[in-house]
Amino acid sequence: MNAAQSVRRIRPFVWVASAIGLVAILVWQVGAWRPSPEATTQGTAFGDSVEPGVDIYPGGERTDAPVLEGTTLDGDTLALSDWAGDIVVINVWGSWCGPCRAETPDLVRLANETKSRGVRFLGVDTRDNLSSAKAFVENFKVPYPSLFDDDGQTLLTFRGVIPTAVIPSTVVVDRQGQIAARIIGPVTYTTLNGLLEDEIGGGSQ
């Protein structure tokens, strides 16, 4: 995978292989897929698709990541700008979200593997309650912080980048603070690792 070649849309086979499977996923995640105003106001720089898949943006065509800041599950203040110069993976999740549970072990594995290579992970826990969110983090041994977004207002910062009514979603921010890729729907170890290897190796140049 070479992020510098072109913007590509990747739809993993598992999401289209079975109509029954797709229906099951949508039913499982019905709360996250309900219509909302922000789900239909995607910016032209990122396209209007809300279908599961990966969008990769060439280095010369990227836009700055939105300002993101808030309070973590532990009560600390944290901003994306605190990690300027690092590659940052922002994952939107909720303890109530089945697909989030499915993808979290891969996120945890990658966070541990890439920390020494200048990659940071940041969760945005949205539409959740604090006790359930903390239990989720403890259960999955999540090593990175998450901003607590119980009312969904923090997530609105990414309106125009990701469809904020679809959970989970993931955004990769490059070392220059620009959007390198977005994943709508659950992410896998293989997919995210490939994106990060591109960025670590200077694929955005």
Protein backbone atom coordinates (compact mmCIF):
# COMPACT_ATOMS: atom_id res chain seq x y z
CA MET A 1 0.00 0.00 0.00
CA ASN A 2 1.40 3.38 -0.96
CA ALA A 3 -0.57 6.32 0.42
CA ALA A 4 1.16 8.77 -1.94
CA GLN A 5 -0.12 7.27 -5.18
CA SER A 6 -3.78 8.19 -5.09
CA VAL A 7 -6.88 8.45 -2.95
CA ARG A 8 -8.23 4.94 -2.81
CA ARG A 9 -11.45 3.47 -1.54
CA ILE A 10 -11.06 0.00 -0.05
CA ARG A 11 -14.03 -2.12 0.89
CA PRO A 12 -12.90 -5.22 2.79
CA PHE A 13 -14.41 -8.43 1.39
CA VAL A 14 -15.92 -9.36 4.71
CA TRP A 15 -18.33 -6.41 4.54
CA VAL A 16 -19.76 -7.32 1.17
CA ALA A 17 -19.47 -11.10 1.09
CA SER A 18 -22.84 -11.78 2.66
CA ALA A 19 -26.03 -9.78 2.70
CA ILE A 20 -27.02 -11.57 5.87
CA GLY A 21 -23.77 -10.62 7.53
CA LEU A 22 -24.17 -6.97 6.58
CA VAL A 23 -27.69 -6.85 7.97
CA ALA A 24 -26.44 -8.44 11.19
CA ILE A 25 -23.74 -5.81 11.62
CA LEU A 26 -26.18 -2.96 10.97
CA VAL A 27 -28.69 -4.38 13.44
CA TRP A 28 -25.89 -4.87 15.97
CA GLN A 29 -24.87 -1.27 15.63
CA VAL A 30 -28.31 0.26 15.08
CA GLY A 31 -27.78 3.00 17.63
CA ALA A 32 -24.67 4.24 15.84
CA TRP A 33 -26.33 4.26 12.40
CA ARG A 34 -29.43 6.23 13.22
CA PRO A 35 -29.83 9.33 11.05
CA SER A 36 -28.54 12.64 12.38
CA PRO A 37 -27.79 16.04 10.83
CA GLU A 38 -24.04 15.56 11.06
CA ALA A 39 -24.23 12.29 9.15
CA THR A 40 -25.19 14.16 6.00
CA THR A 41 -22.83 17.14 6.09
CA GLN A 42 -19.53 15.67 4.96
CA GLY A 43 -16.96 18.12 3.60
CA THR A 44 -16.02 17.91 -0.06
CA ALA A 45 -12.38 17.29 0.79
CA PHE A 46 -13.29 13.91 2.24
CA GLY A 47 -16.28 12.90 0.17
CA ASP A 48 -19.80 12.06 1.23
CA SER A 49 -19.57 8.29 1.65
CA VAL A 50 -20.75 6.74 4.90
CA GLU A 51 -20.10 3.19 3.68
CA PRO A 52 -17.59 1.08 5.61
CA GLY A 53 -14.11 1.26 4.10
CA VAL A 54 -10.80 3.08 3.99
CA ASP A 55 -9.96 6.40 2.33
CA ILE A 56 -6.26 7.27 1.86
CA TYR A 57 -5.13 10.81 0.98
CA PRO A 58 -1.94 11.71 -0.94
CA GLY A 59 0.57 13.89 0.85
CA GLY A 60 0.01 16.92 -1.37
CA GLU A 61 -3.76 16.84 -1.04
CA ARG A 62 -4.23 16.55 2.70
CA THR A 63 -6.01 19.03 4.95
CA ASP A 64 -5.30 19.97 8.54
CA ALA A 65 -6.90 17.88 11.26
CA PRO A 66 -9.56 19.70 13.28
CA VAL A 67 -8.70 21.12 16.68
CA LEU A 68 -9.42 18.34 19.14
CA GLU A 69 -9.25 18.72 22.90
CA GLY A 70 -11.14 17.67 25.98
CA THR A 71 -11.08 15.77 29.24
CA THR A 72 -9.94 12.17 29.43
CA LEU A 73 -11.69 9.33 31.25
CA ASP A 74 -9.23 9.96 34.10
CA GLY A 75 -10.12 13.65 34.31
CA ASP A 76 -6.97 15.02 32.66
CA THR A 77 -7.03 17.66 29.94
CA LEU A 78 -5.58 16.60 26.60
CA ALA A 79 -5.36 18.14 23.14
CA LEU A 80 -4.28 16.70 19.81
CA SER A 81 -1.80 19.57 19.57
CA ASP A 82 0.06 18.15 22.60
CA TRP A 83 1.37 15.45 20.26
CA ALA A 84 2.52 17.71 17.43
CA GLY A 85 5.15 15.97 15.33
CA ASP A 86 3.84 12.48 16.07
CA ILE A 87 1.61 10.27 13.97
CA VAL A 88 -1.72 10.05 15.79
CA VAL A 89 -4.46 7.44 15.44
CA ILE A 90 -7.82 8.77 16.62
CA ASN A 91 -10.40 6.07 17.26
CA VAL A 92 -14.05 6.88 17.98
CA TRP A 93 -15.69 4.25 20.16
CA GLY A 94 -18.30 3.50 22.79
CA SER A 95 -18.58 0.70 25.34
CA TRP A 96 -22.09 0.03 24.01
CA CYS A 97 -20.77 -0.61 20.47
CA GLY A 98 -20.32 -4.26 19.45
CA PRO A 99 -17.94 -3.58 16.52
CA CYS A 100 -15.84 -1.43 18.86
CA ARG A 101 -15.33 -4.43 21.09
CA ALA A 102 -14.33 -6.51 18.09
CA GLU A 103 -11.67 -4.06 16.87
CA THR A 104 -10.19 -2.98 20.20
CA PRO A 105 -7.71 -5.88 20.62
CA ASP A 106 -6.12 -4.95 17.28
CA LEU A 107 -5.92 -1.29 18.29
CA VAL A 108 -4.33 -2.22 21.61
CA ARG A 109 -1.80 -4.45 19.88
CA LEU A 110 -0.80 -1.75 17.40
CA ALA A 111 -0.63 0.95 20.07
CA ASN A 112 1.86 -1.17 22.02
CA GLU A 113 3.87 -2.11 18.93
CA THR A 114 4.21 1.38 17.46
CA LYS A 115 4.61 3.59 20.52
CA SER A 116 8.40 3.56 20.26
CA ARG A 117 8.17 4.55 16.59
CA GLY A 118 6.48 7.89 17.14
CA VAL A 119 2.85 6.78 16.92
CA ARG A 120 0.25 7.89 19.45
CA PHE A 121 -3.27 6.57 19.91
CA LEU A 122 -6.18 8.64 21.18
CA GLY A 123 -9.70 7.40 21.77
CA VAL A 124 -12.87 9.47 21.67
CA ASP A 125 -15.44 7.73 23.85
CA THR A 126 -18.76 9.09 22.71
CA ARG A 127 -22.37 8.85 23.92
CA ASP A 128 -21.30 6.71 26.85
CA ASN A 129 -21.32 6.75 30.62
CA LEU A 130 -18.10 7.05 32.56
CA SER A 131 -18.30 3.86 34.58
CA SER A 132 -19.01 1.69 31.53
CA ALA A 133 -16.22 3.38 29.60
CA LYS A 134 -13.68 2.82 32.37
CA ALA A 135 -14.73 -0.82 32.66
CA PHE A 136 -14.24 -1.21 28.90
CA VAL A 137 -10.73 0.24 29.07
CA GLU A 138 -9.79 -1.96 32.00
CA ASN A 139 -11.25 -5.11 30.43
CA PHE A 140 -9.37 -4.63 27.14
CA LYS A 141 -6.22 -3.25 28.83
CA VAL A 142 -6.29 -0.17 26.60
CA PRO A 143 -2.91 1.57 27.06
CA TYR A 144 -3.83 4.94 25.55
CA PRO A 145 -6.08 7.77 26.76
CA SER A 146 -9.59 8.54 25.58
CA LEU A 147 -11.46 11.82 25.64
CA PHE A 148 -14.82 11.47 27.36
CA ASP A 149 -17.55 12.74 25.01
CA ASP A 150 -20.76 11.74 26.73
CA ASP A 151 -22.92 14.26 24.85
CA GLY A 152 -21.30 13.86 21.41
CA GLN A 153 -20.13 17.46 21.25
CA THR A 154 -16.41 16.67 21.02
CA LEU A 155 -17.06 14.36 18.08
CA LEU A 156 -18.79 17.20 16.21
CA THR A 157 -15.31 18.66 15.77
CA PHE A 158 -14.78 15.97 13.11
CA ARG A 159 -17.95 16.76 11.20
CA GLY A 160 -16.80 16.96 7.60
CA VAL A 161 -14.00 14.44 8.18
CA ILE A 162 -15.94 11.38 9.32
CA PRO A 163 -19.68 10.74 9.50
CA THR A 164 -20.09 11.44 13.19
CA ALA A 165 -23.15 9.23 13.51
CA VAL A 166 -21.17 6.11 12.54
CA ILE A 167 -19.32 4.33 15.34
CA PRO A 168 -16.57 3.11 15.24
CA SER A 169 -14.50 5.30 12.97
CA THR A 170 -10.76 5.92 12.89
CA VAL A 171 -8.62 8.78 11.59
CA VAL A 172 -4.85 8.74 11.00
CA VAL A 173 -3.14 12.11 11.41
CA ASP A 174 0.35 12.52 9.94
CA ARG A 175 3.38 14.21 11.53
CA GLN A 176 2.38 17.53 9.95
CA GLY A 177 -1.02 17.42 11.66
CA GLN A 178 -2.92 16.56 8.47
CA ILE A 179 -5.46 13.83 7.76
CA ALA A 180 -3.65 10.91 6.10
CA ALA A 181 -6.50 8.38 6.13
CA ARG A 182 -9.89 7.61 7.57
CA ILE A 183 -11.58 4.28 8.26
CA ILE A 184 -15.35 4.23 8.46
CA GLY A 185 -16.49 1.21 10.42
CA PRO A 186 -14.37 -1.38 12.26
CA VAL A 187 -10.65 -1.48 11.51
CA THR A 188 -8.39 -4.54 11.42
CA TYR A 189 -4.77 -4.96 12.47
CA THR A 190 -3.66 -5.57 8.87
CA THR A 191 -5.36 -2.48 7.47
CA LEU A 192 -4.23 -0.05 10.15
CA ASN A 193 -0.73 -1.49 10.34
CA GLY A 194 -0.35 -0.94 6.59
CA LEU A 195 -1.43 2.69 6.91
CA LEU A 196 0.95 3.29 9.79
CA GLU A 197 3.88 1.65 8.03
CA ASP A 198 3.31 4.03 5.10
CA GLU A 199 3.40 7.04 7.42
CA ILE A 200 6.34 5.82 9.51
CA GLY A 201 8.26 5.18 6.32
CA GLY A 202 7.53 8.63 4.93
CA GLY A 203 4.72 7.52 2.62
CA SER A 204 3.06 10.94 2.84
CA GLN A 205 5.98 12.65 1.13
